[in-house]
Amino acid sequence: RSPTALALALATRLRFAADYIASFTSVSSSNTCIVSDVRSNCTLSSVTAVERTPGNSLEDGNDVIKDLSSCDIFNGNWVLDDSRPAYIPGSCPYVDDSFNCFKNGRVDFSYVRYRWKPFDCQIPRFNGRKMLEMLRGKRLVFVGDSLNRNMWESLVCSLRESLKDKRSLFEVSTRNEYRTQGFFSLRFQDYQCIIDFIKSPFLVQEWKISDKSEIRRETLRLDMIQGSKYSDADIIVFNTGHWWTHQKTGKGKNYFQEGSHVYDRMEVKEAFTKALKTWAQWVDSNIDRKHTRVFFAGYSSSHF
């Protein structure tokens, strides 16, 4: 496109975004059923939106947290929410270009209006400053593929929005280091908090081996965790899954390795199981449960 056309397209999206964000300043009371649910007849998956400011929570988070210990927060639905998004689309510099819906020209903004609603409890609305206080002096690490990178980007952008002085957020490692080493680290200086992303799409170690013709070819070590420098982190979020559907892993021919043995053929389900056992054994052997909390996020069934 010509520079004029690009500028016009960007200006149109910016006006659209400005009008969209402005609509959050005054939201009338409403009750919208998003998904039918036989357990609730839509009452559990509905949202009540009321007029509020960013500092005015719909309900006291401290009271709500008391109910979460006995609630399965992973069992619920996504529901529409007309309150302000955690950060304005297009405002955060840490969203990768390939993941940037706003920059890539997506015209609807409904995707920023959803929140997660468990069936049996209410999750407090995200509060960036409160979360930074909870993370004060801690290190949070995301380890995995692009899904976890999405989670990392979303979180640091949401926390960044809550900072009074955004210059207090520093890049411990640069984008160039991420391209070469698969490591990106941000430090929230005022809270002495570090949030990292480490690229490890399989969690186990990608490898190379020489065949009889001295030709180097790629393998995947199912018996070896990818080298790590995060075992002492306070919170670690792991995920893997998407890369196991790629051509080499899907076919499983002369690719999966244990010790010095490369399997002529192995079904990907068996290889995936072996890899997760290796990962779990590493966690049991190297993580101090009294200090570090571990989560496994898995993968999205609709990713492709």
C-alpha atoms as a PDB file:
ATOM      1  CA  ARG A   1       0.000   0.000   0.000  1.00  0.00           C
ATOM      2  CA  SER A   2       0.999   3.622  -0.396  1.00  0.00           C
ATOM      3  CA  PRO A   3       2.062   5.583   2.735  1.00  0.00           C
ATOM      4  CA  THR A   4      -1.126   7.664   2.401  1.00  0.00           C
ATOM      5  CA  ALA A   5      -3.348   4.570   2.372  1.00  0.00           C
ATOM      6  CA  LEU A   6      -1.525   3.095   5.368  1.00  0.00           C
ATOM      7  CA  ALA A   7      -1.849   6.337   7.319  1.00  0.00           C
ATOM      8  CA  LEU A   8      -5.565   6.516   6.509  1.00  0.00           C
ATOM      9  CA  ALA A   9      -6.129   2.911   7.577  1.00  0.00           C
ATOM     10  CA  LEU A  10      -4.285   3.474  10.866  1.00  0.00           C
ATOM     11  CA  ALA A  11      -6.192   6.684  11.568  1.00  0.00           C
ATOM     12  CA  THR A  12      -9.485   4.871  10.999  1.00  0.00           C
ATOM     13  CA  ARG A  13      -8.551   2.132  13.462  1.00  0.00           C
ATOM     14  CA  LEU A  14      -7.385   4.675  16.031  1.00  0.00           C
ATOM     15  CA  ARG A  15     -10.700   6.554  15.792  1.00  0.00           C
ATOM     16  CA  PHE A  16     -12.572   3.269  16.129  1.00  0.00           C
ATOM     17  CA  ALA A  17     -10.525   2.342  19.200  1.00  0.00           C
ATOM     18  CA  ALA A  18     -11.017   5.773  20.762  1.00  0.00           C
ATOM     19  CA  ASP A  19     -14.795   5.553  20.313  1.00  0.00           C
ATOM     20  CA  TYR A  20     -14.762   2.007  21.693  1.00  0.00           C
ATOM     21  CA  ILE A  21     -12.784   2.901  24.810  1.00  0.00           C
ATOM     22  CA  ALA A  22     -14.911   5.993  25.368  1.00  0.00           C
ATOM     23  CA  SER A  23     -17.962   3.759  25.616  1.00  0.00           C
ATOM     24  CA  PHE A  24     -16.602   2.340  28.885  1.00  0.00           C
ATOM     25  CA  THR A  25     -16.882   5.661  30.746  1.00  0.00           C
ATOM     26  CA  SER A  26     -20.579   5.164  31.363  1.00  0.00           C
ATOM     27  CA  VAL A  27     -22.147   1.719  31.194  1.00  0.00           C
ATOM     28  CA  SER A  28     -25.791   1.321  32.048  1.00  0.00           C
ATOM     29  CA  SER A  29     -26.923  -1.582  34.170  1.00  0.00           C
ATOM     30  CA  SER A  30     -27.629  -4.670  32.079  1.00  0.00           C
ATOM     31  CA  ASN A  31     -27.903  -8.419  32.300  1.00  0.00           C
ATOM     32  CA  THR A  32     -26.827 -10.369  29.208  1.00  0.00           C
ATOM     33  CA  CYS A  33     -26.986 -14.131  28.755  1.00  0.00           C
ATOM     34  CA  ILE A  34     -23.989 -15.291  26.754  1.00  0.00           C
ATOM     35  CA  VAL A  35     -24.101 -19.080  26.821  1.00  0.00           C
ATOM     36  CA  SER A  36     -26.879 -21.491  27.615  1.00  0.00           C
ATOM     37  CA  ASP A  37     -26.139 -23.745  30.530  1.00  0.00           C
ATOM     38  CA  VAL A  38     -28.497 -26.417  31.816  1.00  0.00           C
ATOM     39  CA  ARG A  39     -27.158 -26.059  35.338  1.00  0.00           C
ATOM     40  CA  SER A  40     -28.005 -22.405  35.571  1.00  0.00           C
ATOM     41  CA  ASN A  41     -30.564 -21.677  32.896  1.00  0.00           C
ATOM     42  CA  CYS A  42     -28.228 -18.869  31.852  1.00  0.00           C
ATOM     43  CA  THR A  43     -28.012 -17.250  35.292  1.00  0.00           C
ATOM     44  CA  LEU A  44     -24.472 -18.484  35.957  1.00  0.00           C
ATOM     45  CA  SER A  45     -23.190 -17.276  32.600  1.00  0.00           C
ATOM     46  CA  SER A  46     -24.670 -13.801  32.661  1.00  0.00           C
ATOM     47  CA  VAL A  47     -22.967 -10.511  33.399  1.00  0.00           C
ATOM     48  CA  THR A  48     -24.258  -7.513  35.284  1.00  0.00           C
ATOM     49  CA  ALA A  49     -22.475  -4.351  34.168  1.00  0.00           C
ATOM     50  CA  VAL A  50     -22.742  -1.215  36.291  1.00  0.00           C
ATOM     51  CA  GLU A  51     -21.292   2.231  36.006  1.00  0.00           C
ATOM     52  CA  ARG A  52     -17.888   2.364  37.659  1.00  0.00           C
ATOM     53  CA  THR A  53     -14.411   3.815  37.458  1.00  0.00           C
ATOM     54  CA  PRO A  54     -11.174   1.765  37.159  1.00  0.00           C
ATOM     55  CA  GLY A  55     -10.655   2.144  40.903  1.00  0.00           C
ATOM     56  CA  ASN A  56     -14.159   1.124  41.865  1.00  0.00           C
ATOM     57  CA  SER A  57     -14.409  -2.671  42.066  1.00  0.00           C
ATOM     58  CA  LEU A  58     -17.779  -4.341  41.562  1.00  0.00           C
ATOM     59  CA  GLU A  59     -17.292  -6.171  44.839  1.00  0.00           C
ATOM     60  CA  ASP A  60     -14.677  -6.412  47.540  1.00  0.00           C
ATOM     61  CA  GLY A  61     -11.932  -8.712  46.325  1.00  0.00           C
ATOM     62  CA  ASN A  62     -10.899  -9.722  49.827  1.00  0.00           C
ATOM     63  CA  ASP A  63     -14.340 -11.157  50.573  1.00  0.00           C
ATOM     64  CA  VAL A  64     -14.428 -12.987  47.271  1.00  0.00           C
ATOM     65  CA  ILE A  65     -11.034 -14.628  47.768  1.00  0.00           C
ATOM     66  CA  LYS A  66     -12.345 -16.427  50.848  1.00  0.00           C
ATOM     67  CA  ASP A  67     -14.751 -18.352  48.605  1.00  0.00           C
ATOM     68  CA  LEU A  68     -12.144 -19.348  46.009  1.00  0.00           C
ATOM     69  CA  SER A  69     -10.391 -22.032  48.082  1.00  0.00           C
ATOM     70  CA  SER A  70     -13.334 -24.397  47.678  1.00  0.00           C
ATOM     71  CA  CYS A  71     -14.199 -23.399  44.098  1.00  0.00           C
ATOM     72  CA  ASP A  72     -13.060 -25.020  40.846  1.00  0.00           C
ATOM     73  CA  ILE A  73     -12.089 -21.797  39.079  1.00  0.00           C
ATOM     74  CA  PHE A  74     -11.213 -23.718  35.884  1.00  0.00           C
ATOM     75  CA  ASN A  75     -14.810 -24.863  35.317  1.00  0.00           C
ATOM     76  CA  GLY A  76     -16.830 -22.065  33.754  1.00  0.00           C
ATOM     77  CA  ASN A  77     -17.519 -19.915  30.689  1.00  0.00           C
ATOM     78  CA  TRP A  78     -16.217 -16.792  28.974  1.00  0.00           C
ATOM     79  CA  VAL A  79     -18.767 -14.007  29.349  1.00  0.00           C
ATOM     80  CA  LEU A  80     -19.015 -10.476  27.964  1.00  0.00           C
ATOM     81  CA  ASP A  81     -17.965  -7.672  30.287  1.00  0.00           C
ATOM     82  CA  ASP A  82     -18.440  -3.994  29.405  1.00  0.00           C
ATOM     83  CA  SER A  83     -15.913  -2.669  31.917  1.00  0.00           C
ATOM     84  CA  ARG A  84     -12.617  -1.220  30.735  1.00  0.00           C
ATOM     85  CA  PRO A  85     -10.093  -3.694  29.316  1.00  0.00           C
ATOM     86  CA  ALA A  86      -6.933  -4.349  31.326  1.00  0.00           C
ATOM     87  CA  TYR A  87      -5.015  -2.243  28.792  1.00  0.00           C
ATOM     88  CA  ILE A  88      -5.999  -0.294  25.680  1.00  0.00           C
ATOM     89  CA  PRO A  89      -5.462  -2.200  22.398  1.00  0.00           C
ATOM     90  CA  GLY A  90      -2.351  -0.951  20.627  1.00  0.00           C
ATOM     91  CA  SER A  91      -0.883   0.706  23.731  1.00  0.00           C
ATOM     92  CA  CYS A  92       1.598  -1.951  24.889  1.00  0.00           C
ATOM     93  CA  PRO A  93       5.070  -2.279  23.290  1.00  0.00           C
ATOM     94  CA  TYR A  94       5.531  -5.890  24.446  1.00  0.00           C
ATOM     95  CA  VAL A  95       2.882  -7.472  22.226  1.00  0.00           C
ATOM     96  CA  ASP A  96       4.720  -9.250  19.421  1.00  0.00           C
ATOM     97  CA  ASP A  97       3.769  -8.063  15.926  1.00  0.00           C
ATOM     98  CA  SER A  98       2.529 -11.504  14.911  1.00  0.00           C
ATOM     99  CA  PHE A  99       0.160 -11.544  17.909  1.00  0.00           C
ATOM    100  CA  ASN A 100      -0.976  -7.929  17.648  1.00  0.00           C
ATOM    101  CA  CYS A 101      -4.621  -8.003  16.531  1.00  0.00           C
ATOM    102  CA  PHE A 102      -4.900  -4.194  16.699  1.00  0.00           C
ATOM    103  CA  LYS A 103      -1.737  -3.497  14.685  1.00  0.00           C
ATOM    104  CA  ASN A 104      -2.641  -6.142  12.101  1.00  0.00           C
ATOM    105  CA  GLY A 105      -5.952  -4.444  11.354  1.00  0.00           C
ATOM    106  CA  ARG A 106      -8.609  -6.430  13.207  1.00  0.00           C
ATOM    107  CA  VAL A 107     -11.678  -4.211  12.999  1.00  0.00           C
ATOM    108  CA  ASP A 108     -13.818  -5.611  15.832  1.00  0.00           C
ATOM    109  CA  PHE A 109     -12.839  -5.205  19.473  1.00  0.00           C
ATOM    110  CA  SER A 110     -15.195  -7.701  21.093  1.00  0.00           C
ATOM    111  CA  TYR A 111     -12.200  -9.908  21.929  1.00  0.00           C
ATOM    112  CA  VAL A 112     -11.108  -7.503  24.696  1.00  0.00           C
ATOM    113  CA  ARG A 113     -14.550  -7.560  26.341  1.00  0.00           C
ATOM    114  CA  TYR A 114     -14.552 -11.078  27.762  1.00  0.00           C
ATOM    115  CA  ARG A 115     -13.848 -12.247  31.284  1.00  0.00           C
ATOM    116  CA  TRP A 116     -13.764 -15.724  32.790  1.00  0.00           C
ATOM    117  CA  LYS A 117     -16.754 -16.679  34.964  1.00  0.00           C
ATOM    118  CA  PRO A 118     -16.498 -19.910  36.999  1.00  0.00           C
ATOM    119  CA  PHE A 119     -19.806 -21.656  37.531  1.00  0.00           C
ATOM    120  CA  ASP A 120     -19.619 -21.735  41.333  1.00  0.00           C
ATOM    121  CA  CYS A 121     -17.835 -18.558  42.369  1.00  0.00           C
ATOM    122  CA  GLN A 122     -16.889 -15.029  41.365  1.00  0.00           C
ATOM    123  CA  ILE A 123     -13.299 -14.105  40.513  1.00  0.00           C
ATOM    124  CA  PRO A 124     -12.291 -10.585  41.592  1.00  0.00           C
ATOM    125  CA  ARG A 125     -11.655  -8.197  38.708  1.00  0.00           C
ATOM    126  CA  PHE A 126      -7.993  -7.919  37.725  1.00  0.00           C
ATOM    127  CA  ASN A 127      -6.167  -5.319  39.816  1.00  0.00           C
ATOM    128  CA  GLY A 128      -2.653  -4.667  38.506  1.00  0.00           C
ATOM    129  CA  ARG A 129      -1.348  -2.803  41.540  1.00  0.00           C
ATOM    130  CA  LYS A 130      -2.663  -5.407  43.939  1.00  0.00           C
ATOM    131  CA  MET A 131      -1.049  -8.169  41.888  1.00  0.00           C
ATOM    132  CA  LEU A 132       2.278  -6.306  41.765  1.00  0.00           C
ATOM    133  CA  GLU A 133       2.142  -6.017  45.551  1.00  0.00           C
ATOM    134  CA  MET A 134       1.543  -9.782  45.750  1.00  0.00           C
ATOM    135  CA  LEU A 135       4.529 -10.320  43.422  1.00  0.00           C
ATOM    136  CA  ARG A 136       6.793  -7.863  45.247  1.00  0.00           C
ATOM    137  CA  GLY A 137      10.315  -9.279  45.455  1.00  0.00           C
ATOM    138  CA  LYS A 138       9.333 -12.398  43.478  1.00  0.00           C
ATOM    139  CA  ARG A 139      10.197 -13.963  40.137  1.00  0.00           C
ATOM    140  CA  LEU A 140       7.449 -15.335  37.889  1.00  0.00           C
ATOM    141  CA  VAL A 141       8.523 -17.417  34.875  1.00  0.00           C
ATOM    142  CA  PHE A 142       6.545 -18.665  31.876  1.00  0.00           C
ATOM    143  CA  VAL A 143       8.190 -21.648  30.129  1.00  0.00           C
ATOM    144  CA  GLY A 144       6.771 -23.097  26.913  1.00  0.00           C
ATOM    145  CA  ASP A 145       5.610 -22.241  23.400  1.00  0.00           C
ATOM    146  CA  SER A 146       3.842 -19.251  21.837  1.00  0.00           C
ATOM    147  CA  LEU A 147       0.707 -19.874  23.903  1.00  0.00           C
ATOM    148  CA  ASN A 148       2.665 -19.169  27.082  1.00  0.00           C
ATOM    149  CA  ARG A 149       4.311 -16.237  25.349  1.00  0.00           C
ATOM    150  CA  ASN A 150       0.809 -14.850  24.713  1.00  0.00           C
ATOM    151  CA  MET A 151       0.080 -15.268  28.430  1.00  0.00           C
ATOM    152  CA  TRP A 152       3.347 -13.534  29.365  1.00  0.00           C
ATOM    153  CA  GLU A 153       2.679 -10.626  27.022  1.00  0.00           C
ATOM    154  CA  SER A 154      -0.895 -10.226  28.222  1.00  0.00           C
ATOM    155  CA  LEU A 155       0.152 -10.205  31.868  1.00  0.00           C
ATOM    156  CA  VAL A 156       3.070  -7.763  31.564  1.00  0.00           C
ATOM    157  CA  CYS A 157       0.916  -5.417  29.455  1.00  0.00           C
ATOM    158  CA  SER A 158      -1.882  -5.529  32.020  1.00  0.00           C
ATOM    159  CA  LEU A 159       0.551  -4.891  34.886  1.00  0.00           C
ATOM    160  CA  ARG A 160       2.301  -2.135  32.928  1.00  0.00           C
ATOM    161  CA  GLU A 161      -1.019  -0.298  32.551  1.00  0.00           C
ATOM    162  CA  SER A 162      -1.302  -0.029  36.349  1.00  0.00           C
ATOM    163  CA  LEU A 163       2.086   1.687  36.766  1.00  0.00           C
ATOM    164  CA  LYS A 164       2.104   5.400  37.523  1.00  0.00           C
ATOM    165  CA  ASP A 165       5.551   5.725  35.971  1.00  0.00           C
ATOM    166  CA  LYS A 166       5.965   3.298  33.082  1.00  0.00           C
ATOM    167  CA  ARG A 167       9.668   4.161  32.929  1.00  0.00           C
ATOM    168  CA  SER A 168      10.073   2.002  36.043  1.00  0.00           C
ATOM    169  CA  LEU A 169       9.583  -1.095  33.856  1.00  0.00           C
ATOM    170  CA  PHE A 170      12.934  -2.288  32.493  1.00  0.00           C
ATOM    171  CA  GLU A 171      13.998  -4.885  29.960  1.00  0.00           C
ATOM    172  CA  VAL A 172      16.509  -7.112  31.760  1.00  0.00           C
ATOM    173  CA  SER A 173      17.113  -8.881  28.449  1.00  0.00           C
ATOM    174  CA  THR A 174      16.500  -7.387  25.023  1.00  0.00           C
ATOM    175  CA  ARG A 175      14.390  -8.501  22.093  1.00  0.00           C
ATOM    176  CA  ASN A 176      17.589  -9.453  20.264  1.00  0.00           C
ATOM    177  CA  GLU A 177      18.489 -11.810  23.111  1.00  0.00           C
ATOM    178  CA  TYR A 178      15.080 -13.413  22.765  1.00  0.00           C
ATOM    179  CA  ARG A 179      15.683 -14.061  19.057  1.00  0.00           C
ATOM    180  CA  THR A 180      19.048 -15.691  19.743  1.00  0.00           C
ATOM    181  CA  GLN A 181      18.513 -17.275  23.167  1.00  0.00           C
ATOM    182  CA  GLY A 182      14.738 -17.588  23.529  1.00  0.00           C
ATOM    183  CA  PHE A 183      14.704 -15.566  26.757  1.00  0.00           C
ATOM    184  CA  PHE A 184      12.850 -12.324  27.552  1.00  0.00           C
ATOM    185  CA  SER A 185      12.896 -10.737  31.006  1.00  0.00           C
ATOM    186  CA  LEU A 186      11.156  -7.645  32.405  1.00  0.00           C
ATOM    187  CA  ARG A 187      11.753  -6.030  35.784  1.00  0.00           C
ATOM    188  CA  PHE A 188       9.151  -3.924  37.616  1.00  0.00           C
ATOM    189  CA  GLN A 189      11.692  -1.810  39.469  1.00  0.00           C
ATOM    190  CA  ASP A 190       9.382  -0.253  42.072  1.00  0.00           C
ATOM    191  CA  TYR A 191       8.244  -3.716  43.152  1.00  0.00           C
ATOM    192  CA  GLN A 192      11.566  -5.573  42.719  1.00  0.00           C
ATOM    193  CA  CYS A 193       9.584  -8.081  40.665  1.00  0.00           C
ATOM    194  CA  ILE A 194      10.801  -9.993  37.590  1.00  0.00           C
ATOM    195  CA  ILE A 195       8.544 -11.687  35.021  1.00  0.00           C
ATOM    196  CA  ASP A 196      10.277 -13.865  32.422  1.00  0.00           C
ATOM    197  CA  PHE A 197       9.392 -15.851  29.339  1.00  0.00           C
ATOM    198  CA  ILE A 198      11.619 -18.781  28.298  1.00  0.00           C
ATOM    199  CA  LYS A 199      11.015 -20.411  24.929  1.00  0.00           C
ATOM    200  CA  SER A 200      10.816 -24.192  25.336  1.00  0.00           C
ATOM    201  CA  PRO A 201       8.151 -25.537  22.958  1.00  0.00           C
ATOM    202  CA  PHE A 202       8.691 -29.203  23.938  1.00  0.00           C
ATOM    203  CA  LEU A 203       9.975 -28.708  27.526  1.00  0.00           C
ATOM    204  CA  VAL A 204      12.390 -31.553  26.707  1.00  0.00           C
ATOM    205  CA  GLN A 205      15.662 -30.903  24.864  1.00  0.00           C
ATOM    206  CA  GLU A 206      15.927 -30.350  21.124  1.00  0.00           C
ATOM    207  CA  TRP A 207      19.064 -32.165  19.989  1.00  0.00           C
ATOM    208  CA  LYS A 208      21.310 -32.995  17.001  1.00  0.00           C
ATOM    209  CA  ILE A 209      23.000 -36.269  16.209  1.00  0.00           C
ATOM    210  CA  SER A 210      25.389 -37.417  13.454  1.00  0.00           C
ATOM    211  CA  ASP A 211      24.377 -40.420  11.374  1.00  0.00           C
ATOM    212  CA  LYS A 212      26.741 -42.920   9.712  1.00  0.00           C
ATOM    213  CA  SER A 213      27.379 -40.458   6.893  1.00  0.00           C
ATOM    214  CA  GLU A 214      28.398 -37.798   9.469  1.00  0.00           C
ATOM    215  CA  ILE A 215      25.371 -35.747   8.523  1.00  0.00           C
ATOM    216  CA  ARG A 216      23.930 -33.826  11.459  1.00  0.00           C
ATOM    217  CA  ARG A 217      20.172 -34.167  11.873  1.00  0.00           C
ATOM    218  CA  GLU A 218      17.704 -32.981  14.440  1.00  0.00           C
ATOM    219  CA  THR A 219      16.249 -35.180  17.166  1.00  0.00           C
ATOM    220  CA  LEU A 220      14.254 -34.647  20.340  1.00  0.00           C
ATOM    221  CA  ARG A 221      15.652 -35.993  23.619  1.00  0.00           C
ATOM    222  CA  LEU A 222      12.634 -37.392  25.457  1.00  0.00           C
ATOM    223  CA  ASP A 223      14.783 -38.207  28.489  1.00  0.00           C
ATOM    224  CA  MET A 224      16.302 -34.758  29.033  1.00  0.00           C
ATOM    225  CA  ILE A 225      14.664 -31.506  30.163  1.00  0.00           C
ATOM    226  CA  GLN A 226      15.707 -28.408  28.247  1.00  0.00           C
ATOM    227  CA  GLY A 227      18.470 -26.563  30.108  1.00  0.00           C
ATOM    228  CA  SER A 228      16.957 -24.285  32.726  1.00  0.00           C
ATOM    229  CA  LYS A 229      17.923 -21.390  34.985  1.00  0.00           C
ATOM    230  CA  TYR A 230      14.585 -20.952  36.678  1.00  0.00           C
ATOM    231  CA  SER A 231      14.257 -23.732  39.249  1.00  0.00           C
ATOM    232  CA  ASP A 232      14.498 -21.195  42.096  1.00  0.00           C
ATOM    233  CA  ALA A 233      11.715 -18.945  40.757  1.00  0.00           C
ATOM    234  CA  ASP A 234       8.744 -18.260  43.027  1.00  0.00           C
ATOM    235  CA  ILE A 235       6.144 -19.205  40.399  1.00  0.00           C
ATOM    236  CA  ILE A 236       6.667 -21.222  37.196  1.00  0.00           C
ATOM    237  CA  VAL A 237       3.996 -21.705  34.528  1.00  0.00           C
ATOM    238  CA  PHE A 238       4.793 -24.481  32.031  1.00  0.00           C
ATOM    239  CA  ASN A 239       3.017 -25.437  28.830  1.00  0.00           C
ATOM    240  CA  THR A 240       3.587 -27.645  25.796  1.00  0.00           C
ATOM    241  CA  GLY A 241       1.460 -29.313  23.137  1.00  0.00           C
ATOM    242  CA  HIS A 242       1.256 -27.344  19.902  1.00  0.00           C
ATOM    243  CA  TRP A 243       4.660 -28.270  18.498  1.00  0.00           C
ATOM    244  CA  TRP A 244       3.890 -31.976  18.941  1.00  0.00           C
ATOM    245  CA  THR A 245       1.587 -31.743  15.923  1.00  0.00           C
ATOM    246  CA  HIS A 246       4.311 -30.525  13.554  1.00  0.00           C
ATOM    247  CA  GLN A 247       5.646 -32.676  10.731  1.00  0.00           C
ATOM    248  CA  LYS A 248       8.662 -34.243  12.456  1.00  0.00           C
ATOM    249  CA  THR A 249       6.877 -34.993  15.706  1.00  0.00           C
ATOM    250  CA  GLY A 250       3.654 -36.061  14.016  1.00  0.00           C
ATOM    251  CA  LYS A 251       5.386 -38.606  11.795  1.00  0.00           C
ATOM    252  CA  GLY A 252       7.809 -39.694  14.532  1.00  0.00           C
ATOM    253  CA  LYS A 253      10.343 -41.204  12.131  1.00  0.00           C
ATOM    254  CA  ASN A 254      14.007 -41.148  13.234  1.00  0.00           C
ATOM    255  CA  TYR A 255      13.278 -38.165  15.436  1.00  0.00           C
ATOM    256  CA  PHE A 256      12.618 -39.214  19.039  1.00  0.00           C
ATOM    257  CA  GLN A 257      15.706 -40.097  21.082  1.00  0.00           C
ATOM    258  CA  GLU A 258      16.442 -41.602  24.500  1.00  0.00           C
ATOM    259  CA  GLY A 259      20.071 -41.839  25.545  1.00  0.00           C
ATOM    260  CA  SER A 260      22.031 -42.649  22.382  1.00  0.00           C
ATOM    261  CA  HIS A 261      19.108 -44.523  20.807  1.00  0.00           C
ATOM    262  CA  VAL A 262      17.011 -42.874  18.086  1.00  0.00           C
ATOM    263  CA  TYR A 263      13.717 -44.637  17.433  1.00  0.00           C
ATOM    264  CA  ASP A 264      13.002 -45.611  13.836  1.00  0.00           C
ATOM    265  CA  ARG A 265       9.354 -44.932  14.560  1.00  0.00           C
ATOM    266  CA  MET A 266       7.390 -43.841  17.617  1.00  0.00           C
ATOM    267  CA  GLU A 267       3.794 -42.667  17.872  1.00  0.00           C
ATOM    268  CA  VAL A 268       3.595 -39.052  18.958  1.00  0.00           C
ATOM    269  CA  LYS A 269       1.243 -39.897  21.847  1.00  0.00           C
ATOM    270  CA  GLU A 270       3.843 -42.231  23.351  1.00  0.00           C
ATOM    271  CA  ALA A 271       6.620 -39.682  22.842  1.00  0.00           C
ATOM    272  CA  PHE A 272       4.513 -36.906  24.393  1.00  0.00           C
ATOM    273  CA  THR A 273       3.821 -39.132  27.425  1.00  0.00           C
ATOM    274  CA  LYS A 274       7.541 -39.898  27.858  1.00  0.00           C
ATOM    275  CA  ALA A 275       8.386 -36.199  27.621  1.00  0.00           C
ATOM    276  CA  LEU A 276       5.829 -35.211  30.260  1.00  0.00           C
ATOM    277  CA  LYS A 277       7.138 -37.930  32.589  1.00  0.00           C
ATOM    278  CA  THR A 278      10.663 -36.529  32.127  1.00  0.00           C
ATOM    279  CA  TRP A 279       9.369 -33.053  32.901  1.00  0.00           C
ATOM    280  CA  ALA A 280       7.426 -34.234  35.969  1.00  0.00           C
ATOM    281  CA  GLN A 281      10.460 -36.106  37.332  1.00  0.00           C
ATOM    282  CA  TRP A 282      12.560 -32.977  36.851  1.00  0.00           C
ATOM    283  CA  VAL A 283      10.003 -30.922  38.786  1.00  0.00           C
ATOM    284  CA  ASP A 284       9.933 -33.466  41.630  1.00  0.00           C
ATOM    285  CA  SER A 285      13.742 -33.557  41.815  1.00  0.00           C
ATOM    286  CA  ASN A 286      14.596 -29.884  41.342  1.00  0.00           C
ATOM    287  CA  ILE A 287      11.726 -27.769  42.656  1.00  0.00           C
ATOM    288  CA  ASP A 288      11.425 -26.865  46.324  1.00  0.00           C
ATOM    289  CA  ARG A 289       7.662 -26.995  46.852  1.00  0.00           C
ATOM    290  CA  LYS A 290       7.970 -24.858  49.995  1.00  0.00           C
ATOM    291  CA  HIS A 291       9.387 -22.017  47.896  1.00  0.00           C
ATOM    292  CA  THR A 292       8.109 -22.477  44.331  1.00  0.00           C
ATOM    293  CA  ARG A 293       4.594 -22.944  42.966  1.00  0.00           C
ATOM    294  CA  VAL A 294       4.282 -24.865  39.679  1.00  0.00           C
ATOM    295  CA  PHE A 295       1.461 -24.717  37.122  1.00  0.00           C
ATOM    296  CA  PHE A 296       0.997 -26.685  33.894  1.00  0.00           C
ATOM    297  CA  ALA A 297      -1.139 -24.861  31.326  1.00  0.00           C
ATOM    298  CA  GLY A 298      -1.295 -27.397  28.484  1.00  0.00           C
ATOM    299  CA  TYR A 299      -2.493 -26.189  25.094  1.00  0.00           C
ATOM    300  CA  SER A 300      -5.494 -24.739  23.291  1.00  0.00           C
ATOM    301  CA  SER A 301      -7.579 -27.198  21.274  1.00  0.00           C
ATOM    302  CA  SER A 302      -8.627 -24.419  18.871  1.00  0.00           C
ATOM    303  CA  HIS A 303      -5.129 -22.963  18.364  1.00  0.00           C
ATOM    304  CA  PHE A 304      -4.938 -23.803  14.659  1.00  0.00           C
END
